């Protein structure tokens, strides 16, 4: 099998990331306002579509390649595509988030955590990255700190898939 390789001319820089704060705020508000499972899932899908719109064609090609490699469990090729994406476009949060996921799937927990930290520097309300940090900490046996990140993720996304991992706070009942 011939490895999948994309040539990225690093002499060119990633396009400047457009200011999309208003769109982000509207999508996050829609997510918080969703009062049914169906509306919640539609809002989540909208948020992921927002995050997965790369700044330029080269970045989008690298992201899409990595995502397609993830879908077929080719984690090494996915990691390679996402690593090239973050090298090319270091301020694109979703590149770091997807690299973190590729690391996580390979049990590279420290690298995953570092990439999630960068994601959250760039996109503090990235509920996928917040939940990802929680999952890394669970795998590391650090359940108390995992709960902090999972709760933060659920504050952003009340329909969070990982909400079932959140333990009730003693004296406060169910979440």
N, C-alpha and C. Protein backbone atom coordinates (compact mmCIF):
# COMPACT_ATOMS: atom_id res chain seq x y z
N UNK A 1 0.84 -1.18 0.00
CA UNK A 1 0.00 0.00 0.00
C UNK A 1 0.88 1.24 0.00
N UNK A 2 0.57 2.16 -0.85
CA UNK A 2 1.32 3.41 -0.94
C UNK A 2 0.78 4.38 0.09
N UNK A 3 1.66 4.96 0.93
CA UNK A 3 1.15 5.88 1.95
C UNK A 3 0.57 7.14 1.31
N UNK A 4 -0.45 7.65 1.94
CA UNK A 4 -1.10 8.88 1.49
C UNK A 4 -0.26 10.06 1.95
N UNK A 5 0.20 10.85 1.01
CA UNK A 5 1.04 11.99 1.35
C UNK A 5 0.53 13.21 0.59
N UNK A 6 0.32 14.26 1.30
CA UNK A 6 -0.03 15.53 0.67
C UNK A 6 1.18 16.42 0.72
N UNK A 7 1.47 17.05 -0.37
CA UNK A 7 2.60 17.97 -0.39
C UNK A 7 2.07 19.35 -0.02
N UNK A 8 2.64 19.90 1.02
CA UNK A 8 2.27 21.25 1.43
C UNK A 8 3.50 22.11 1.32
N UNK A 9 3.38 23.13 0.52
CA UNK A 9 4.50 24.05 0.37
C UNK A 9 4.49 24.99 1.57
N UNK A 10 5.40 24.73 2.50
CA UNK A 10 5.42 25.52 3.73
C UNK A 10 6.00 26.91 3.52
N UNK A 11 6.42 27.21 2.28
CA UNK A 11 6.87 28.57 2.00
C UNK A 11 5.68 29.53 2.06
N UNK A 12 4.50 28.98 1.89
CA UNK A 12 3.29 29.79 1.99
C UNK A 12 2.70 29.63 3.39
N UNK A 13 2.20 30.70 3.90
CA UNK A 13 1.59 30.67 5.23
C UNK A 13 0.09 30.46 5.08
N UNK A 14 -0.46 29.92 6.12
CA UNK A 14 -1.90 29.76 6.20
C UNK A 14 -2.57 31.12 6.10
N UNK A 15 -3.70 31.14 5.45
CA UNK A 15 -4.46 32.39 5.38
C UNK A 15 -4.83 32.84 6.79
N UNK A 16 -4.98 34.13 6.94
CA UNK A 16 -5.40 34.66 8.23
C UNK A 16 -6.78 34.11 8.58
N UNK A 17 -6.95 33.75 9.83
CA UNK A 17 -8.22 33.21 10.27
C UNK A 17 -9.20 34.36 10.44
N UNK A 18 -10.30 34.25 9.72
CA UNK A 18 -11.30 35.31 9.71
C UNK A 18 -11.96 35.45 11.08
N UNK A 19 -12.37 36.67 11.39
CA UNK A 19 -13.11 36.92 12.62
C UNK A 19 -14.54 36.42 12.43
N UNK A 20 -14.86 35.37 13.14
CA UNK A 20 -16.20 34.77 13.04
C UNK A 20 -16.85 34.72 14.42
N UNK A 21 -16.51 35.68 15.25
CA UNK A 21 -17.02 35.70 16.63
C UNK A 21 -18.54 35.77 16.71
N UNK A 22 -19.15 36.56 15.83
CA UNK A 22 -20.62 36.68 15.87
C UNK A 22 -21.28 35.35 15.52
N UNK A 23 -20.75 34.69 14.49
CA UNK A 23 -21.30 33.39 14.09
C UNK A 23 -21.12 32.36 15.21
N UNK A 24 -19.93 32.34 15.81
CA UNK A 24 -19.65 31.42 16.92
C UNK A 24 -20.63 31.67 18.07
N UNK A 25 -20.79 32.93 18.44
CA UNK A 25 -21.68 33.28 19.56
C UNK A 25 -23.11 32.83 19.28
N UNK A 26 -23.57 33.02 18.04
CA UNK A 26 -24.93 32.61 17.69
C UNK A 26 -25.07 31.08 17.78
N UNK A 27 -24.10 30.35 17.26
CA UNK A 27 -24.15 28.88 17.30
C UNK A 27 -24.12 28.37 18.74
N UNK A 28 -23.27 28.96 19.57
CA UNK A 28 -23.20 28.53 20.97
C UNK A 28 -24.49 28.87 21.72
N UNK A 29 -25.09 30.01 21.40
CA UNK A 29 -26.36 30.36 22.04
C UNK A 29 -27.47 29.41 21.61
N UNK A 30 -27.49 29.06 20.31
CA UNK A 30 -28.48 28.09 19.82
C UNK A 30 -28.33 26.77 20.56
N UNK A 31 -27.11 26.38 20.82
CA UNK A 31 -26.85 25.13 21.53
C UNK A 31 -27.39 25.20 22.95
N UNK A 32 -27.12 26.29 23.63
CA UNK A 32 -27.63 26.45 25.00
C UNK A 32 -29.15 26.54 25.05
N UNK A 33 -29.74 27.11 24.00
CA UNK A 33 -31.20 27.30 23.96
C UNK A 33 -31.95 26.06 23.49
N UNK A 34 -31.24 25.08 22.95
CA UNK A 34 -31.91 23.88 22.42
C UNK A 34 -32.68 23.19 23.54
N UNK A 35 -33.98 23.02 23.33
CA UNK A 35 -34.81 22.45 24.39
C UNK A 35 -35.30 21.03 24.08
N UNK A 36 -34.82 20.48 22.97
CA UNK A 36 -35.13 19.08 22.66
C UNK A 36 -33.85 18.41 22.17
N UNK A 37 -33.84 17.11 22.25
CA UNK A 37 -32.68 16.35 21.78
C UNK A 37 -32.40 16.66 20.31
N UNK A 38 -33.44 16.70 19.51
CA UNK A 38 -33.28 16.94 18.08
C UNK A 38 -32.64 18.31 17.83
N UNK A 39 -33.12 19.34 18.50
CA UNK A 39 -32.54 20.68 18.33
C UNK A 39 -31.10 20.71 18.85
N UNK A 40 -30.85 20.00 19.94
CA UNK A 40 -29.51 19.93 20.50
C UNK A 40 -28.53 19.29 19.51
N UNK A 41 -28.94 18.19 18.90
CA UNK A 41 -28.08 17.51 17.94
C UNK A 41 -27.84 18.36 16.70
N UNK A 42 -28.86 19.08 16.26
CA UNK A 42 -28.70 19.98 15.12
C UNK A 42 -27.72 21.11 15.45
N UNK A 43 -27.80 21.62 16.67
CA UNK A 43 -26.89 22.68 17.10
C UNK A 43 -25.46 22.17 17.21
N UNK A 44 -25.31 20.97 17.72
CA UNK A 44 -23.97 20.36 17.81
C UNK A 44 -23.38 20.20 16.42
N UNK A 45 -24.18 19.70 15.49
CA UNK A 45 -23.70 19.52 14.11
C UNK A 45 -23.29 20.86 13.51
N UNK A 46 -24.06 21.91 13.79
CA UNK A 46 -23.71 23.24 13.30
C UNK A 46 -22.40 23.73 13.86
N UNK A 47 -22.16 23.44 15.12
CA UNK A 47 -20.91 23.85 15.76
C UNK A 47 -19.73 23.12 15.13
N UNK A 48 -19.87 21.81 14.91
CA UNK A 48 -18.78 21.05 14.29
C UNK A 48 -18.53 21.52 12.86
N UNK A 49 -19.58 21.86 12.13
CA UNK A 49 -19.38 22.39 10.78
C UNK A 49 -18.62 23.71 10.83
N UNK A 50 -18.95 24.53 11.80
CA UNK A 50 -18.25 25.80 11.99
C UNK A 50 -16.76 25.55 12.24
N UNK A 51 -16.47 24.66 13.19
CA UNK A 51 -15.07 24.40 13.54
C UNK A 51 -14.30 23.77 12.39
N UNK A 52 -14.99 22.99 11.57
CA UNK A 52 -14.29 22.26 10.51
C UNK A 52 -14.26 23.02 9.18
N UNK A 53 -14.49 24.32 9.23
CA UNK A 53 -14.27 25.19 8.07
C UNK A 53 -12.88 25.79 8.22
N UNK A 54 -11.93 25.20 7.52
CA UNK A 54 -10.53 25.63 7.64
C UNK A 54 -10.32 26.99 6.96
N UNK A 55 -9.25 27.68 7.34
CA UNK A 55 -9.02 29.03 6.84
C UNK A 55 -8.74 29.14 5.34
N UNK A 56 -8.21 28.09 4.72
CA UNK A 56 -7.94 28.15 3.29
C UNK A 56 -7.99 26.74 2.69
N UNK A 57 -7.81 26.67 1.40
CA UNK A 57 -7.95 25.40 0.68
C UNK A 57 -6.92 24.36 1.13
N UNK A 58 -5.68 24.78 1.33
CA UNK A 58 -4.65 23.85 1.75
C UNK A 58 -4.97 23.29 3.14
N UNK A 59 -5.36 24.16 4.05
CA UNK A 59 -5.71 23.71 5.40
C UNK A 59 -6.92 22.79 5.36
N UNK A 60 -7.90 23.12 4.51
CA UNK A 60 -9.09 22.27 4.39
C UNK A 60 -8.73 20.89 3.84
N UNK A 61 -7.82 20.86 2.88
CA UNK A 61 -7.39 19.58 2.30
C UNK A 61 -6.69 18.72 3.36
N UNK A 62 -5.84 19.32 4.15
CA UNK A 62 -5.17 18.58 5.22
C UNK A 62 -6.16 18.08 6.27
N UNK A 63 -7.10 18.94 6.65
CA UNK A 63 -8.12 18.55 7.62
C UNK A 63 -8.96 17.40 7.07
N UNK A 64 -9.44 17.55 5.85
CA UNK A 64 -10.27 16.51 5.25
C UNK A 64 -9.53 15.19 5.11
N UNK A 65 -8.26 15.26 4.75
CA UNK A 65 -7.45 14.04 4.64
C UNK A 65 -7.34 13.37 6.00
N UNK A 66 -7.02 14.14 7.02
CA UNK A 66 -6.92 13.57 8.37
C UNK A 66 -8.23 12.96 8.83
N UNK A 67 -9.34 13.65 8.58
CA UNK A 67 -10.65 13.13 8.98
C UNK A 67 -10.99 11.84 8.24
N UNK A 68 -10.66 11.79 6.96
CA UNK A 68 -10.93 10.56 6.20
C UNK A 68 -10.06 9.40 6.70
N UNK A 69 -8.85 9.70 7.11
CA UNK A 69 -7.96 8.66 7.67
C UNK A 69 -8.50 8.18 9.02
N UNK A 70 -9.04 9.09 9.83
CA UNK A 70 -9.65 8.70 11.11
C UNK A 70 -10.82 7.75 10.89
N UNK A 71 -11.64 8.07 9.89
CA UNK A 71 -12.83 7.25 9.63
C UNK A 71 -12.49 5.79 9.32
N UNK A 72 -11.29 5.54 8.78
CA UNK A 72 -10.91 4.16 8.47
C UNK A 72 -9.86 3.63 9.46
N UNK A 73 -9.74 4.32 10.59
CA UNK A 73 -8.84 3.92 11.68
C UNK A 73 -7.37 3.89 11.28
N UNK A 74 -6.99 4.72 10.34
CA UNK A 74 -5.57 4.86 9.97
C UNK A 74 -5.02 6.04 10.77
N UNK A 75 -4.79 5.79 12.04
CA UNK A 75 -4.45 6.86 12.98
C UNK A 75 -3.08 7.48 12.71
N UNK A 76 -2.15 6.70 12.20
CA UNK A 76 -0.82 7.24 11.91
C UNK A 76 -0.90 8.25 10.77
N UNK A 77 -1.62 7.90 9.70
CA UNK A 77 -1.78 8.84 8.58
C UNK A 77 -2.60 10.05 9.01
N UNK A 78 -3.60 9.85 9.86
CA UNK A 78 -4.39 10.98 10.38
C UNK A 78 -3.49 11.91 11.19
N UNK A 79 -2.69 11.32 12.07
CA UNK A 79 -1.77 12.14 12.86
C UNK A 79 -0.84 12.94 11.96
N UNK A 80 -0.33 12.30 10.92
CA UNK A 80 0.57 12.99 10.00
C UNK A 80 -0.13 14.17 9.33
N UNK A 81 -1.34 13.96 8.84
CA UNK A 81 -2.08 15.05 8.18
C UNK A 81 -2.36 16.19 9.15
N UNK A 82 -2.78 15.86 10.35
CA UNK A 82 -3.09 16.90 11.33
C UNK A 82 -1.82 17.61 11.83
N UNK A 83 -0.73 16.88 11.95
CA UNK A 83 0.53 17.51 12.36
C UNK A 83 0.99 18.51 11.29
N UNK A 84 0.84 18.14 10.04
CA UNK A 84 1.18 19.07 8.96
C UNK A 84 0.22 20.26 8.95
N UNK A 85 -1.05 20.00 9.28
CA UNK A 85 -2.03 21.08 9.36
C UNK A 85 -1.64 22.10 10.44
N UNK A 86 -1.28 21.64 11.63
CA UNK A 86 -0.95 22.60 12.69
C UNK A 86 0.39 23.28 12.43
N UNK A 87 1.29 22.60 11.72
CA UNK A 87 2.53 23.27 11.30
C UNK A 87 2.23 24.39 10.30
N UNK A 88 1.35 24.09 9.38
CA UNK A 88 0.98 25.05 8.34
C UNK A 88 0.11 26.18 8.89
N UNK A 89 -0.80 25.82 9.77
CA UNK A 89 -1.80 26.77 10.24
C UNK A 89 -1.90 26.70 11.78
N UNK A 90 -0.89 27.20 12.50
CA UNK A 90 -0.82 27.01 13.95
C UNK A 90 -1.92 27.68 14.77
N UNK A 91 -2.64 28.62 14.18
CA UNK A 91 -3.70 29.31 14.92
C UNK A 91 -5.09 28.78 14.61
N UNK A 92 -5.17 27.65 13.93
CA UNK A 92 -6.44 27.03 13.60
C UNK A 92 -6.75 25.97 14.66
N UNK A 93 -7.69 26.29 15.53
CA UNK A 93 -7.98 25.45 16.70
C UNK A 93 -8.35 24.02 16.34
N UNK A 94 -9.16 23.84 15.31
CA UNK A 94 -9.64 22.49 15.01
C UNK A 94 -8.52 21.58 14.53
N UNK A 95 -7.48 22.14 13.94
CA UNK A 95 -6.32 21.33 13.59
C UNK A 95 -5.71 20.71 14.83
N UNK A 96 -5.55 21.50 15.86
CA UNK A 96 -5.00 21.01 17.13
C UNK A 96 -5.95 20.00 17.79
N UNK A 97 -7.26 20.28 17.72
CA UNK A 97 -8.23 19.37 18.33
C UNK A 97 -8.20 18.00 17.64
N UNK A 98 -8.16 17.99 16.33
CA UNK A 98 -8.14 16.71 15.62
C UNK A 98 -6.82 15.98 15.82
N UNK A 99 -5.72 16.73 15.90
CA UNK A 99 -4.43 16.09 16.20
C UNK A 99 -4.50 15.45 17.58
N UNK A 100 -5.10 16.13 18.53
CA UNK A 100 -5.27 15.58 19.88
C UNK A 100 -6.07 14.28 19.84
N UNK A 101 -7.12 14.25 19.03
CA UNK A 101 -7.94 13.04 18.92
C UNK A 101 -7.14 11.89 18.31
N UNK A 102 -6.37 12.19 17.28
CA UNK A 102 -5.52 11.14 16.67
C UNK A 102 -4.52 10.61 17.70
N UNK A 103 -3.94 11.49 18.48
CA UNK A 103 -3.03 11.05 19.55
C UNK A 103 -3.78 10.19 20.57
N UNK A 104 -4.96 10.65 20.98
CA UNK A 104 -5.74 9.93 21.99
C UNK A 104 -6.04 8.51 21.53
N UNK A 105 -6.43 8.37 20.28
CA UNK A 105 -6.77 7.05 19.74
C UNK A 105 -5.57 6.11 19.69
N UNK A 106 -4.37 6.68 19.76
CA UNK A 106 -3.15 5.89 19.79
C UNK A 106 -2.58 5.78 21.20
N UNK A 107 -3.33 6.26 22.18
CA UNK A 107 -2.93 6.22 23.59
C UNK A 107 -1.72 7.10 23.88
N UNK A 108 -1.53 8.15 23.09
CA UNK A 108 -0.46 9.13 23.33
C UNK A 108 -1.08 10.26 24.14
N UNK A 109 -1.30 9.97 25.42
CA UNK A 109 -2.12 10.85 26.25
C UNK A 109 -1.48 12.21 26.53
N UNK A 110 -0.19 12.25 26.76
CA UNK A 110 0.47 13.55 27.02
C UNK A 110 0.41 14.44 25.80
N UNK A 111 0.70 13.86 24.63
CA UNK A 111 0.63 14.64 23.39
C UNK A 111 -0.80 15.11 23.14
N UNK A 112 -1.77 14.24 23.40
CA UNK A 112 -3.17 14.61 23.25
C UNK A 112 -3.52 15.78 24.16
N UNK A 113 -3.12 15.68 25.41
CA UNK A 113 -3.41 16.74 26.38
C UNK A 113 -2.78 18.07 25.95
N UNK A 114 -1.55 18.02 25.47
CA UNK A 114 -0.88 19.25 25.01
C UNK A 114 -1.63 19.88 23.84
N UNK A 115 -2.06 19.05 22.89
CA UNK A 115 -2.81 19.58 21.74
C UNK A 115 -4.17 20.13 22.16
N UNK A 116 -4.78 19.49 23.13
CA UNK A 116 -6.06 20.01 23.64
C UNK A 116 -5.86 21.34 24.35
N UNK A 117 -4.76 21.48 25.07
CA UNK A 117 -4.46 22.76 25.72
C UNK A 117 -4.37 23.87 24.68
N UNK A 118 -3.70 23.58 23.56
CA UNK A 118 -3.56 24.59 22.50
C UNK A 118 -4.93 24.89 21.88
N UNK A 119 -5.73 23.85 21.68
CA UNK A 119 -7.08 24.06 21.15
C UNK A 119 -7.85 25.03 22.05
N UNK A 120 -7.78 24.79 23.36
CA UNK A 120 -8.54 25.61 24.30
C UNK A 120 -7.97 27.02 24.44
N UNK A 121 -6.69 27.21 24.18
CA UNK A 121 -6.14 28.56 24.13
C UNK A 121 -6.78 29.35 23.00
N UNK A 122 -6.97 28.67 21.87
CA UNK A 122 -7.52 29.31 20.68
C UNK A 122 -9.05 29.36 20.68
N UNK A 123 -9.67 28.37 21.29
CA UNK A 123 -11.14 28.24 21.25
C UNK A 123 -11.60 27.77 22.64
N UNK A 124 -11.68 28.69 23.62
CA UNK A 124 -11.96 28.30 25.01
C UNK A 124 -13.27 27.56 25.23
N UNK A 125 -14.24 27.72 24.35
CA UNK A 125 -15.53 27.06 24.54
C UNK A 125 -15.68 25.82 23.65
N UNK A 126 -14.57 25.27 23.21
CA UNK A 126 -14.60 24.08 22.36
C UNK A 126 -14.99 22.89 23.24
N UNK A 127 -16.28 22.54 23.23
CA UNK A 127 -16.76 21.48 24.11
C UNK A 127 -16.14 20.14 23.79
N UNK A 128 -15.74 19.92 22.55
CA UNK A 128 -15.06 18.67 22.20
C UNK A 128 -13.70 18.58 22.85
N UNK A 129 -12.97 19.68 22.86
CA UNK A 129 -11.66 19.71 23.50
C UNK A 129 -11.79 19.61 25.02
N UNK A 130 -12.78 20.29 25.58
CA UNK A 130 -13.00 20.21 27.02
C UNK A 130 -13.33 18.77 27.44
N UNK A 131 -14.23 18.13 26.69
CA UNK A 131 -14.56 16.74 26.99
C UNK A 131 -13.35 15.84 26.75
N UNK A 132 -12.59 16.15 25.70
CA UNK A 132 -11.37 15.39 25.42
C UNK A 132 -10.39 15.43 26.58
N UNK A 133 -10.22 16.61 27.16
CA UNK A 133 -9.34 16.72 28.35
C UNK A 133 -9.87 15.84 29.46
N UNK A 134 -11.19 15.85 29.66
CA UNK A 134 -11.78 14.98 30.67
C UNK A 134 -11.49 13.52 30.40
N UNK A 135 -11.61 13.09 29.16
CA UNK A 135 -11.35 11.70 28.81
C UNK A 135 -9.88 11.32 28.99
N UNK A 136 -8.98 12.24 28.66
CA UNK A 136 -7.55 11.99 28.90
C UNK A 136 -7.32 11.78 30.39
N UNK A 137 -7.88 12.67 31.20
CA UNK A 137 -7.68 12.54 32.65
C UNK A 137 -8.31 11.26 33.19
N UNK A 138 -9.43 10.84 32.67
CA UNK A 138 -10.02 9.57 33.10
C UNK A 138 -9.07 8.42 32.78
N UNK A 139 -8.53 8.42 31.56
CA UNK A 139 -7.59 7.35 31.18
C UNK A 139 -6.34 7.36 32.05
N UNK A 140 -5.98 8.52 32.55
CA UNK A 140 -4.81 8.64 33.42
C UNK A 140 -5.15 8.35 34.88
N UNK A 141 -6.42 8.06 35.17
CA UNK A 141 -6.84 7.78 36.53
C UNK A 141 -6.97 9.03 37.38
N UNK A 142 -7.09 10.18 36.74
CA UNK A 142 -7.21 11.46 37.45
C UNK A 142 -8.66 11.94 37.37
N UNK A 143 -9.53 11.20 38.01
CA UNK A 143 -10.97 11.40 37.85
C UNK A 143 -11.47 12.73 38.40
N UNK A 144 -10.87 13.24 39.46
CA UNK A 144 -11.35 14.51 40.03
C UNK A 144 -11.18 15.65 39.04
N UNK A 145 -10.00 15.74 38.43
CA UNK A 145 -9.79 16.82 37.45
C UNK A 145 -10.58 16.55 36.18
N UNK A 146 -10.79 15.28 35.84
CA UNK A 146 -11.63 14.94 34.68
C UNK A 146 -13.03 15.52 34.85
N UNK A 147 -13.56 15.43 36.05
CA UNK A 147 -14.90 15.94 36.32
C UNK A 147 -15.00 17.44 36.07
N UNK A 148 -13.94 18.16 36.39
CA UNK A 148 -13.92 19.62 36.17
C UNK A 148 -14.08 19.92 34.68
N UNK A 149 -13.32 19.22 33.86
CA UNK A 149 -13.38 19.47 32.41
C UNK A 149 -14.70 19.00 31.81
N UNK A 150 -15.20 17.87 32.27
CA UNK A 150 -16.49 17.39 31.76
C UNK A 150 -17.61 18.35 32.12
N UNK A 151 -17.58 18.90 33.32
CA UNK A 151 -18.60 19.87 33.72
C UNK A 151 -18.50 21.15 32.89
N UNK A 152 -17.27 21.59 32.64
CA UNK A 152 -17.08 22.77 31.79
C UNK A 152 -17.63 22.52 30.39
N UNK A 153 -17.38 21.33 29.87
CA UNK A 153 -17.88 20.98 28.53
C UNK A 153 -19.41 20.98 28.52
N UNK A 154 -20.01 20.44 29.59
CA UNK A 154 -21.47 20.38 29.64
C UNK A 154 -22.10 21.76 29.80
N UNK A 155 -21.39 22.68 30.43
CA UNK A 155 -21.91 24.05 30.51
C UNK A 155 -22.03 24.68 29.13
N UNK A 156 -21.08 24.35 28.26
CA UNK A 156 -21.12 24.86 26.89
C UNK A 156 -22.13 24.08 26.07
N UNK A 157 -22.14 22.76 26.26
CA UNK A 157 -23.00 21.87 25.48
C UNK A 157 -23.83 20.99 26.40
N UNK A 158 -25.04 21.42 26.71
CA UNK A 158 -25.89 20.62 27.61
C UNK A 158 -26.20 19.22 27.08
N UNK A 159 -26.03 19.00 25.77
CA UNK A 159 -26.34 17.72 25.14
C UNK A 159 -25.09 16.86 24.95
N UNK A 160 -24.03 17.20 25.65
CA UNK A 160 -22.74 16.53 25.53
C UNK A 160 -22.88 15.01 25.64
N UNK A 161 -22.32 14.30 24.67
CA UNK A 161 -22.36 12.83 24.70
C UNK A 161 -21.75 12.27 25.98
N UNK A 162 -20.69 12.87 26.46
CA UNK A 162 -19.97 12.38 27.63
C UNK A 162 -20.62 12.77 28.96
N UNK A 163 -21.79 13.39 28.93
CA UNK A 163 -22.42 13.83 30.18
C UNK A 163 -22.72 12.67 31.13
N UNK A 164 -22.85 11.48 30.59
CA UNK A 164 -23.08 10.30 31.43
C UNK A 164 -21.88 9.95 32.29
N UNK A 165 -20.72 10.51 31.98
CA UNK A 165 -19.51 10.27 32.78
C UNK A 165 -19.40 11.23 33.96
N UNK A 166 -20.27 12.23 33.99
CA UNK A 166 -20.20 13.23 35.06
C UNK A 166 -20.87 12.66 36.31
N UNK A 167 -20.12 12.70 37.38
CA UNK A 167 -20.61 12.17 38.66
C UNK A 167 -21.30 13.30 39.43
N UNK A 168 -22.38 12.99 40.15
CA UNK A 168 -23.04 14.01 40.95
C UNK A 168 -22.11 14.54 42.04
N UNK A 169 -22.25 15.83 42.31
CA UNK A 169 -21.48 16.44 43.39
C UNK A 169 -22.20 16.08 44.68
N UNK A 170 -21.47 15.55 45.68
CA UNK A 170 -22.13 15.18 46.95
C UNK A 170 -22.94 16.36 47.51
N UNK A 171 -24.17 16.08 47.86
CA UNK A 171 -25.04 17.09 48.43
C UNK A 171 -25.82 17.88 47.40
N UNK A 172 -25.51 17.70 46.10
CA UNK A 172 -26.20 18.45 45.07
C UNK A 172 -27.10 17.59 44.20
N UNK A 173 -27.12 16.29 44.42
CA UNK A 173 -27.98 15.41 43.64
C UNK A 173 -27.49 15.25 42.22
N UNK A 174 -28.39 14.83 41.36
CA UNK A 174 -28.06 14.61 39.95
C UNK A 174 -27.80 15.93 39.24
N UNK A 175 -27.03 15.86 38.15
CA UNK A 175 -26.80 17.04 37.32
C UNK A 175 -27.97 17.31 36.43
